[in-house]
Amino acid sequence: MLGVSRMLLVSAACCGVAAAGTAQTLATSSQTPAATAQADDPSRLLAAQQRLLNDWPNLARYRDDNAKLEAPADGQPRVVFMGDSITDAWGRRLGVSFFAGKPYVNRGISGQTTPQMLIRFRPDVVDLKPKVVVILAGTNDIAGNTGPMSDEEISANLMSMAEIAEANGIKVVFSSILPVSAYHTAPNGISQTQQRPMTRIRALNDWMKTYAAAEKHTYLDYFSAMADAQGLLKTELSADDLHPNAAGYAVMGPLAEAAIKDALR
């Protein structure tokens, strides 16, 4: 019996590693090029799989930074940006600044989906005592980074984040999911439009806009400003059909500032 128990434990552990490996592989589809390159290193990939097993929502990523963050200064409303790689890279790559001089806090994590963000919403948003949270999420859910997700499941997680924020006196800005394109797809590669169908992106954005209006939240429309005549991400705003380049963030910055101003009224 003891031998059988040990076999079951080993089997479960192996299944967990396999599942983590699958999730990590899927996650690379939405990560920055640097993160993808790291995933090609077997030792780094193994370390990433171990982190995923031990800390699926990656609560450790900002734990130390959160502890060191001082209370917001009087008259300086703190804003937290919650998101995935598009938020994570803002101000950390491409020489793009992240709202210099503003009390804005970046809490993006590459590859993440809404269920992961929901778990870390309290330590990475609520406990930082912001006046506003800017949520940009959903593209990785559509891509299936942590498994298949329906639009209803995605919207439910977004609603839960908004409800937690509202219960703690935090204004909510829902950012539209950015368009994607297929202009830079590698030969024999899978396009972003295949991984993230535009029909689903538009449907979730329509839901967010309607929900935000009904609940008196602010809707931040990146989509319209970044889509071309075909309704795809403008080729000049991204090098990989998913992540904004410097020009893309230059479009997003003023739109985010306007949405934050609206939320603080």
C-alpha atoms as a PDB file:
ATOM      1  CA  MET A   1       0.000   0.000   0.000  1.00  0.00           C
ATOM      2  CA  LEU A   2       2.852   2.390   0.821  1.00  0.00           C
ATOM      3  CA  GLY A   3       4.387   1.679  -2.569  1.00  0.00           C
ATOM      4  CA  VAL A   4       1.119   2.489  -4.295  1.00  0.00           C
ATOM      5  CA  SER A   5       0.815   5.746  -2.366  1.00  0.00           C
ATOM      6  CA  ARG A   6       4.298   6.754  -3.409  1.00  0.00           C
ATOM      7  CA  MET A   7       3.492   5.934  -7.028  1.00  0.00           C
ATOM      8  CA  LEU A   8       0.373   8.090  -6.859  1.00  0.00           C
ATOM      9  CA  LEU A   9       2.321  10.976  -5.374  1.00  0.00           C
ATOM     10  CA  VAL A  10       4.971  10.743  -8.085  1.00  0.00           C
ATOM     11  CA  SER A  11       2.281  10.518 -10.753  1.00  0.00           C
ATOM     12  CA  ALA A  12       0.505  13.592  -9.379  1.00  0.00           C
ATOM     13  CA  ALA A  13       3.755  15.523  -9.243  1.00  0.00           C
ATOM     14  CA  CYS A  14       4.577  14.582 -12.825  1.00  0.00           C
ATOM     15  CA  CYS A  15       1.116  15.632 -13.969  1.00  0.00           C
ATOM     16  CA  GLY A  16       1.552  18.945 -12.161  1.00  0.00           C
ATOM     17  CA  VAL A  17       4.870  19.589 -13.898  1.00  0.00           C
ATOM     18  CA  ALA A  18       3.353  18.670 -17.244  1.00  0.00           C
ATOM     19  CA  ALA A  19       0.434  21.016 -16.675  1.00  0.00           C
ATOM     20  CA  ALA A  20       2.769  23.790 -15.599  1.00  0.00           C
ATOM     21  CA  GLY A  21       4.879  23.220 -18.680  1.00  0.00           C
ATOM     22  CA  THR A  22       1.820  23.450 -20.906  1.00  0.00           C
ATOM     23  CA  ALA A  23       0.660  26.654 -19.252  1.00  0.00           C
ATOM     24  CA  GLN A  24       4.135  28.157 -19.480  1.00  0.00           C
ATOM     25  CA  THR A  25       4.402  27.215 -23.154  1.00  0.00           C
ATOM     26  CA  LEU A  26       1.064  28.832 -23.846  1.00  0.00           C
ATOM     27  CA  ALA A  27       2.070  31.900 -21.852  1.00  0.00           C
ATOM     28  CA  THR A  28       5.051  32.548 -24.100  1.00  0.00           C
ATOM     29  CA  SER A  29       2.660  33.419 -26.916  1.00  0.00           C
ATOM     30  CA  SER A  30       1.814  36.648 -25.107  1.00  0.00           C
ATOM     31  CA  GLN A  31       5.147  37.411 -23.508  1.00  0.00           C
ATOM     32  CA  THR A  32       7.678  39.959 -24.576  1.00  0.00           C
ATOM     33  CA  PRO A  33      10.451  38.811 -26.974  1.00  0.00           C
ATOM     34  CA  ALA A  34      12.934  38.871 -24.073  1.00  0.00           C
ATOM     35  CA  ALA A  35      10.715  36.585 -22.013  1.00  0.00           C
ATOM     36  CA  THR A  36      10.301  34.237 -24.963  1.00  0.00           C
ATOM     37  CA  ALA A  37      14.076  34.067 -25.409  1.00  0.00           C
ATOM     38  CA  GLN A  38      14.456  33.195 -21.725  1.00  0.00           C
ATOM     39  CA  ALA A  39      11.932  30.397 -22.147  1.00  0.00           C
ATOM     40  CA  ASP A  40      14.214  28.825 -24.766  1.00  0.00           C
ATOM     41  CA  ASP A  41      16.855  28.272 -22.047  1.00  0.00           C
ATOM     42  CA  PRO A  42      16.034  24.877 -20.438  1.00  0.00           C
ATOM     43  CA  SER A  43      17.270  25.919 -16.983  1.00  0.00           C
ATOM     44  CA  ARG A  44      15.207  29.096 -17.014  1.00  0.00           C
ATOM     45  CA  LEU A  45      12.192  27.219 -18.337  1.00  0.00           C
ATOM     46  CA  LEU A  46      12.498  24.677 -15.520  1.00  0.00           C
ATOM     47  CA  ALA A  47      12.751  27.503 -12.986  1.00  0.00           C
ATOM     48  CA  ALA A  48       9.677  29.140 -14.490  1.00  0.00           C
ATOM     49  CA  GLN A  49       7.751  25.856 -14.273  1.00  0.00           C
ATOM     50  CA  GLN A  50       8.743  25.492 -10.631  1.00  0.00           C
ATOM     51  CA  ARG A  51       7.587  29.043  -9.865  1.00  0.00           C
ATOM     52  CA  LEU A  52       4.289  28.299 -11.583  1.00  0.00           C
ATOM     53  CA  LEU A  53       3.788  25.206  -9.426  1.00  0.00           C
ATOM     54  CA  ASN A  54       4.688  27.036  -6.227  1.00  0.00           C
ATOM     55  CA  ASP A  55       3.011  30.384  -6.932  1.00  0.00           C
ATOM     56  CA  TRP A  56       0.495  30.219  -9.794  1.00  0.00           C
ATOM     57  CA  PRO A  57      -0.688  33.862  -9.504  1.00  0.00           C
ATOM     58  CA  ASN A  58       2.921  35.039  -8.959  1.00  0.00           C
ATOM     59  CA  LEU A  59       2.189  36.778  -5.682  1.00  0.00           C
ATOM     60  CA  ALA A  60       5.930  36.903  -5.040  1.00  0.00           C
ATOM     61  CA  ARG A  61       6.622  39.142  -8.040  1.00  0.00           C
ATOM     62  CA  TYR A  62       5.733  42.393  -6.271  1.00  0.00           C
ATOM     63  CA  ARG A  63       5.714  41.306  -2.619  1.00  0.00           C
ATOM     64  CA  ASP A  64       8.927  43.137  -1.698  1.00  0.00           C
ATOM     65  CA  ASP A  65       8.094  46.187  -3.809  1.00  0.00           C
ATOM     66  CA  ASN A  66       4.673  46.451  -2.176  1.00  0.00           C
ATOM     67  CA  ALA A  67       6.210  46.289   1.292  1.00  0.00           C
ATOM     68  CA  LYS A  68       8.620  49.112   0.456  1.00  0.00           C
ATOM     69  CA  LEU A  69       6.003  51.357  -1.153  1.00  0.00           C
ATOM     70  CA  GLU A  70       5.285  54.363   1.020  1.00  0.00           C
ATOM     71  CA  ALA A  71       1.790  55.650   1.656  1.00  0.00           C
ATOM     72  CA  PRO A  72       0.457  58.018  -1.013  1.00  0.00           C
ATOM     73  CA  ALA A  73       1.259  61.668  -0.390  1.00  0.00           C
ATOM     74  CA  ASP A  74      -1.584  64.057   0.395  1.00  0.00           C
ATOM     75  CA  GLY A  75      -3.061  65.494  -2.771  1.00  0.00           C
ATOM     76  CA  GLN A  76      -1.284  62.897  -4.922  1.00  0.00           C
ATOM     77  CA  PRO A  77      -3.883  60.267  -5.878  1.00  0.00           C
ATOM     78  CA  ARG A  78      -2.181  56.931  -6.427  1.00  0.00           C
ATOM     79  CA  VAL A  79      -3.147  54.942  -9.513  1.00  0.00           C
ATOM     80  CA  VAL A  80      -2.370  51.250  -9.931  1.00  0.00           C
ATOM     81  CA  PHE A  81      -2.165  49.664 -13.381  1.00  0.00           C
ATOM     82  CA  MET A  82      -3.150  45.993 -13.216  1.00  0.00           C
ATOM     83  CA  GLY A  83      -2.458  43.894 -16.280  1.00  0.00           C
ATOM     84  CA  ASP A  84      -0.375  41.482 -18.304  1.00  0.00           C
ATOM     85  CA  SER A  85       2.728  41.931 -20.478  1.00  0.00           C
ATOM     86  CA  ILE A  86       1.381  45.061 -22.152  1.00  0.00           C
ATOM     87  CA  THR A  87       1.268  46.743 -18.740  1.00  0.00           C
ATOM     88  CA  ASP A  88       4.392  44.971 -17.450  1.00  0.00           C
ATOM     89  CA  ALA A  89       6.550  46.301 -20.310  1.00  0.00           C
ATOM     90  CA  TRP A  90       5.288  49.884 -19.976  1.00  0.00           C
ATOM     91  CA  GLY A  91       8.234  51.936 -18.743  1.00  0.00           C
ATOM     92  CA  ARG A  92      10.460  48.858 -18.485  1.00  0.00           C
ATOM     93  CA  ARG A  93      11.297  48.324 -22.163  1.00  0.00           C
ATOM     94  CA  LEU A  94      11.805  50.300 -25.350  1.00  0.00           C
ATOM     95  CA  GLY A  95      12.990  53.382 -23.475  1.00  0.00           C
ATOM     96  CA  VAL A  96       9.366  54.340 -22.870  1.00  0.00           C
ATOM     97  CA  SER A  97       8.638  56.225 -19.669  1.00  0.00           C
ATOM     98  CA  PHE A  98       5.777  55.237 -17.351  1.00  0.00           C
ATOM     99  CA  PHE A  99       4.067  58.530 -16.536  1.00  0.00           C
ATOM    100  CA  ALA A 100       7.177  60.229 -15.172  1.00  0.00           C
ATOM    101  CA  GLY A 101       6.549  62.206 -12.001  1.00  0.00           C
ATOM    102  CA  LYS A 102       3.093  60.732 -11.464  1.00  0.00           C
ATOM    103  CA  PRO A 103       2.202  58.543  -8.451  1.00  0.00           C
ATOM    104  CA  TYR A 104       1.307  55.664 -10.752  1.00  0.00           C
ATOM    105  CA  VAL A 105       2.261  52.080  -9.894  1.00  0.00           C
ATOM    106  CA  ASN A 106       2.822  49.343 -12.477  1.00  0.00           C
ATOM    107  CA  ARG A 107       1.597  45.919 -11.389  1.00  0.00           C
ATOM    108  CA  GLY A 108       1.552  44.106 -14.718  1.00  0.00           C
ATOM    109  CA  ILE A 109       2.833  40.540 -15.069  1.00  0.00           C
ATOM    110  CA  SER A 110       3.655  39.076 -18.456  1.00  0.00           C
ATOM    111  CA  GLY A 111       1.485  36.207 -19.651  1.00  0.00           C
ATOM    112  CA  GLN A 112      -1.172  36.549 -16.959  1.00  0.00           C
ATOM    113  CA  THR A 113      -4.897  35.957 -17.239  1.00  0.00           C
ATOM    114  CA  THR A 114      -7.849  37.362 -15.298  1.00  0.00           C
ATOM    115  CA  PRO A 115      -8.066  34.521 -12.737  1.00  0.00           C
ATOM    116  CA  GLN A 116      -4.427  35.094 -11.789  1.00  0.00           C
ATOM    117  CA  MET A 117      -4.973  38.853 -11.527  1.00  0.00           C
ATOM    118  CA  LEU A 118      -8.082  38.308  -9.421  1.00  0.00           C
ATOM    119  CA  ILE A 119      -6.084  36.306  -6.864  1.00  0.00           C
ATOM    120  CA  ARG A 120      -3.416  38.984  -6.547  1.00  0.00           C
ATOM    121  CA  PHE A 121      -5.826  41.920  -6.718  1.00  0.00           C
ATOM    122  CA  ARG A 122      -5.805  42.513  -2.962  1.00  0.00           C
ATOM    123  CA  PRO A 123      -2.024  42.571  -2.346  1.00  0.00           C
ATOM    124  CA  ASP A 124      -1.146  44.257  -5.646  1.00  0.00           C
ATOM    125  CA  VAL A 125      -4.004  46.779  -5.768  1.00  0.00           C
ATOM    126  CA  VAL A 126      -6.212  47.141  -2.690  1.00  0.00           C
ATOM    127  CA  ASP A 127      -3.414  47.087  -0.123  1.00  0.00           C
ATOM    128  CA  LEU A 128      -1.586  49.876  -1.989  1.00  0.00           C
ATOM    129  CA  LYS A 129      -4.542  52.196  -1.283  1.00  0.00           C
ATOM    130  CA  PRO A 130      -4.917  53.756  -4.718  1.00  0.00           C
ATOM    131  CA  LYS A 131      -7.691  56.106  -5.728  1.00  0.00           C
ATOM    132  CA  VAL A 132      -7.939  54.478  -9.162  1.00  0.00           C
ATOM    133  CA  VAL A 133      -7.132  51.094 -10.691  1.00  0.00           C
ATOM    134  CA  VAL A 134      -6.630  50.771 -14.447  1.00  0.00           C
ATOM    135  CA  ILE A 135      -7.346  47.188 -15.519  1.00  0.00           C
ATOM    136  CA  LEU A 136      -6.056  45.905 -18.855  1.00  0.00           C
ATOM    137  CA  ALA A 137      -6.788  42.181 -19.132  1.00  0.00           C
ATOM    138  CA  GLY A 138      -8.390  39.501 -21.253  1.00  0.00           C
ATOM    139  CA  THR A 139      -6.163  38.977 -24.277  1.00  0.00           C
ATOM    140  CA  ASN A 140      -4.308  36.081 -22.635  1.00  0.00           C
ATOM    141  CA  ASP A 141      -7.570  34.508 -21.497  1.00  0.00           C
ATOM    142  CA  ILE A 142      -8.704  34.468 -25.115  1.00  0.00           C
ATOM    143  CA  ALA A 143      -5.394  32.867 -26.093  1.00  0.00           C
ATOM    144  CA  GLY A 144      -5.877  30.189 -23.430  1.00  0.00           C
ATOM    145  CA  ASN A 145      -2.693  30.890 -21.490  1.00  0.00           C
ATOM    146  CA  THR A 146      -4.063  29.196 -18.365  1.00  0.00           C
ATOM    147  CA  GLY A 147      -6.589  26.996 -20.113  1.00  0.00           C
ATOM    148  CA  PRO A 148      -9.780  27.568 -22.102  1.00  0.00           C
ATOM    149  CA  MET A 149     -11.826  30.554 -20.949  1.00  0.00           C
ATOM    150  CA  SER A 150     -15.258  31.582 -22.171  1.00  0.00           C
ATOM    151  CA  ASP A 151     -16.170  35.244 -22.592  1.00  0.00           C
ATOM    152  CA  GLU A 152     -18.579  34.829 -19.674  1.00  0.00           C
ATOM    153  CA  GLU A 153     -15.798  33.557 -17.415  1.00  0.00           C
ATOM    154  CA  ILE A 154     -13.533  36.434 -18.416  1.00  0.00           C
ATOM    155  CA  SER A 155     -16.240  39.021 -17.797  1.00  0.00           C
ATOM    156  CA  ALA A 156     -17.062  37.425 -14.438  1.00  0.00           C
ATOM    157  CA  ASN A 157     -13.441  37.837 -13.304  1.00  0.00           C
ATOM    158  CA  LEU A 158     -13.403  41.441 -14.484  1.00  0.00           C
ATOM    159  CA  MET A 159     -16.632  42.092 -12.585  1.00  0.00           C
ATOM    160  CA  SER A 160     -15.156  40.546  -9.441  1.00  0.00           C
ATOM    161  CA  MET A 161     -12.106  42.812  -9.634  1.00  0.00           C
ATOM    162  CA  ALA A 162     -14.366  45.826 -10.074  1.00  0.00           C
ATOM    163  CA  GLU A 163     -16.539  44.808  -7.123  1.00  0.00           C
ATOM    164  CA  ILE A 164     -13.511  44.375  -4.860  1.00  0.00           C
ATOM    165  CA  ALA A 165     -12.203  47.770  -5.931  1.00  0.00           C
ATOM    166  CA  GLU A 166     -15.551  49.476  -5.399  1.00  0.00           C
ATOM    167  CA  ALA A 167     -15.941  47.910  -1.950  1.00  0.00           C
ATOM    168  CA  ASN A 168     -12.620  49.512  -1.022  1.00  0.00           C
ATOM    169  CA  GLY A 169     -13.379  52.961  -2.401  1.00  0.00           C
ATOM    170  CA  ILE A 170     -11.244  52.556  -5.529  1.00  0.00           C
ATOM    171  CA  LYS A 171     -12.423  53.979  -8.841  1.00  0.00           C
ATOM    172  CA  VAL A 172     -12.289  51.535 -11.746  1.00  0.00           C
ATOM    173  CA  VAL A 173     -11.034  52.122 -15.278  1.00  0.00           C
ATOM    174  CA  PHE A 174     -11.690  49.250 -17.661  1.00  0.00           C
ATOM    175  CA  SER A 175      -9.250  49.313 -20.573  1.00  0.00           C
ATOM    176  CA  SER A 176     -10.372  47.841 -23.851  1.00  0.00           C
ATOM    177  CA  ILE A 177      -8.426  44.832 -25.075  1.00  0.00           C
ATOM    178  CA  LEU A 178      -6.036  45.996 -27.768  1.00  0.00           C
ATOM    179  CA  PRO A 179      -6.580  44.842 -31.343  1.00  0.00           C
ATOM    180  CA  VAL A 180      -4.135  42.314 -32.751  1.00  0.00           C
ATOM    181  CA  SER A 181      -2.967  41.736 -36.308  1.00  0.00           C
ATOM    182  CA  ALA A 182      -1.103  39.313 -38.550  1.00  0.00           C
ATOM    183  CA  TYR A 183       1.260  41.709 -40.287  1.00  0.00           C
ATOM    184  CA  HIS A 184       4.431  40.328 -38.701  1.00  0.00           C
ATOM    185  CA  THR A 185       3.637  36.609 -38.566  1.00  0.00           C
ATOM    186  CA  ALA A 186       6.701  34.431 -39.143  1.00  0.00           C
ATOM    187  CA  PRO A 187       6.642  31.924 -42.018  1.00  0.00           C
ATOM    188  CA  ASN A 188       4.656  28.866 -40.887  1.00  0.00           C
ATOM    189  CA  GLY A 189       3.880  30.709 -37.657  1.00  0.00           C
ATOM    190  CA  ILE A 190       0.530  31.038 -35.912  1.00  0.00           C
ATOM    191  CA  SER A 191      -0.840  34.547 -36.276  1.00  0.00           C
ATOM    192  CA  GLN A 192      -2.083  36.592 -33.350  1.00  0.00           C
ATOM    193  CA  THR A 193      -5.460  36.848 -35.081  1.00  0.00           C
ATOM    194  CA  GLN A 194      -5.699  33.043 -34.892  1.00  0.00           C
ATOM    195  CA  GLN A 195      -4.677  32.922 -31.244  1.00  0.00           C
ATOM    196  CA  ARG A 196      -6.846  35.892 -30.326  1.00  0.00           C
ATOM    197  CA  PRO A 197      -9.834  36.101 -32.685  1.00  0.00           C
ATOM    198  CA  MET A 198     -10.946  39.669 -33.251  1.00  0.00           C
ATOM    199  CA  THR A 199     -14.598  38.656 -32.860  1.00  0.00           C
ATOM    200  CA  ARG A 200     -13.935  37.746 -29.230  1.00  0.00           C
ATOM    201  CA  ILE A 201     -11.883  40.881 -28.584  1.00  0.00           C
ATOM    202  CA  ARG A 202     -14.676  43.066 -29.945  1.00  0.00           C
ATOM    203  CA  ALA A 203     -17.344  41.166 -27.999  1.00  0.00           C
ATOM    204  CA  LEU A 204     -15.495  41.574 -24.691  1.00  0.00           C
ATOM    205  CA  ASN A 205     -14.822  45.236 -25.385  1.00  0.00           C
ATOM    206  CA  ASP A 206     -18.520  45.790 -26.108  1.00  0.00           C
ATOM    207  CA  TRP A 207     -19.395  44.057 -22.846  1.00  0.00           C
ATOM    208  CA  MET A 208     -16.859  46.153 -20.890  1.00  0.00           C
ATOM    209  CA  LYS A 209     -18.156  49.395 -22.353  1.00  0.00           C
ATOM    210  CA  THR A 210     -21.754  48.502 -21.487  1.00  0.00           C
ATOM    211  CA  TYR A 211     -20.894  47.232 -18.009  1.00  0.00           C
ATOM    212  CA  ALA A 212     -18.737  50.256 -17.222  1.00  0.00           C
ATOM    213  CA  ALA A 213     -21.551  52.614 -18.196  1.00  0.00           C
ATOM    214  CA  ALA A 214     -24.097  50.703 -16.107  1.00  0.00           C
ATOM    215  CA  GLU A 215     -21.872  50.601 -13.017  1.00  0.00           C
ATOM    216  CA  LYS A 216     -20.508  54.149 -13.402  1.00  0.00           C
ATOM    217  CA  HIS A 217     -16.955  52.989 -14.076  1.00  0.00           C
ATOM    218  CA  THR A 218     -14.738  54.536 -16.750  1.00  0.00           C
ATOM    219  CA  TYR A 219     -14.163  52.809 -20.080  1.00  0.00           C
ATOM    220  CA  LEU A 220     -10.751  53.435 -21.646  1.00  0.00           C
ATOM    221  CA  ASP A 221     -10.930  52.867 -25.402  1.00  0.00           C
ATOM    222  CA  TYR A 222      -7.467  51.973 -26.658  1.00  0.00           C
ATOM    223  CA  PHE A 223      -8.964  49.850 -29.419  1.00  0.00           C
ATOM    224  CA  SER A 224     -10.393  52.588 -31.621  1.00  0.00           C
ATOM    225  CA  ALA A 225      -7.200  54.635 -31.562  1.00  0.00           C
ATOM    226  CA  MET A 226      -4.958  51.675 -32.379  1.00  0.00           C
ATOM    227  CA  ALA A 227      -6.985  49.858 -35.038  1.00  0.00           C
ATOM    228  CA  ASP A 228      -6.457  50.414 -38.751  1.00  0.00           C
ATOM    229  CA  ALA A 229      -9.072  50.507 -41.515  1.00  0.00           C
ATOM    230  CA  GLN A 230      -9.296  46.689 -41.371  1.00  0.00           C
ATOM    231  CA  GLY A 231      -9.931  46.789 -37.627  1.00  0.00           C
ATOM    232  CA  LEU A 232      -6.514  45.276 -36.836  1.00  0.00           C
ATOM    233  CA  LEU A 233      -3.624  46.618 -34.777  1.00  0.00           C
ATOM    234  CA  LYS A 234      -1.855  49.228 -36.863  1.00  0.00           C
ATOM    235  CA  THR A 235       1.381  47.809 -38.222  1.00  0.00           C
ATOM    236  CA  GLU A 236       3.359  50.870 -37.126  1.00  0.00           C
ATOM    237  CA  LEU A 237       2.258  50.434 -33.488  1.00  0.00           C
ATOM    238  CA  SER A 238       3.682  46.937 -32.901  1.00  0.00           C
ATOM    239  CA  ALA A 239       6.590  44.759 -33.979  1.00  0.00           C
ATOM    240  CA  ASP A 240       4.864  41.459 -33.128  1.00  0.00           C
ATOM    241  CA  ASP A 241       1.149  42.117 -33.807  1.00  0.00           C
ATOM    242  CA  LEU A 242       0.342  42.034 -30.076  1.00  0.00           C
ATOM    243  CA  HIS A 243       2.591  44.210 -27.893  1.00  0.00           C
ATOM    244  CA  PRO A 244       2.763  47.973 -28.413  1.00  0.00           C
ATOM    245  CA  ASN A 245       6.072  49.470 -29.471  1.00  0.00           C
ATOM    246  CA  ALA A 246       7.175  52.945 -28.403  1.00  0.00           C
ATOM    247  CA  ALA A 247       4.736  54.512 -30.871  1.00  0.00           C
ATOM    248  CA  GLY A 248       1.957  52.347 -29.476  1.00  0.00           C
ATOM    249  CA  TYR A 249       2.597  53.433 -25.898  1.00  0.00           C
ATOM    250  CA  ALA A 250       2.718  57.043 -27.105  1.00  0.00           C
ATOM    251  CA  VAL A 251      -0.879  56.577 -28.266  1.00  0.00           C
ATOM    252  CA  MET A 252      -1.944  54.833 -25.062  1.00  0.00           C
ATOM    253  CA  GLY A 253      -0.426  57.269 -22.559  1.00  0.00           C
ATOM    254  CA  PRO A 254      -2.663  60.307 -23.167  1.00  0.00           C
ATOM    255  CA  LEU A 255      -5.751  58.083 -23.392  1.00  0.00           C
ATOM    256  CA  ALA A 256      -4.946  56.565 -19.998  1.00  0.00           C
ATOM    257  CA  GLU A 257      -4.367  60.002 -18.481  1.00  0.00           C
ATOM    258  CA  ALA A 258      -7.743  61.218 -19.767  1.00  0.00           C
ATOM    259  CA  ALA A 259      -9.505  58.128 -18.374  1.00  0.00           C
ATOM    260  CA  ILE A 260      -7.858  58.555 -14.964  1.00  0.00           C
ATOM    261  CA  LYS A 261      -8.902  62.202 -14.889  1.00  0.00           C
ATOM    262  CA  ASP A 262     -12.457  61.173 -15.691  1.00  0.00           C
ATOM    263  CA  ALA A 263     -12.461  58.519 -12.956  1.00  0.00           C
ATOM    264  CA  LEU A 264     -11.264  61.024 -10.347  1.00  0.00           C
ATOM    265  CA  ARG A 265     -14.052  63.522 -10.982  1.00  0.00           C
END
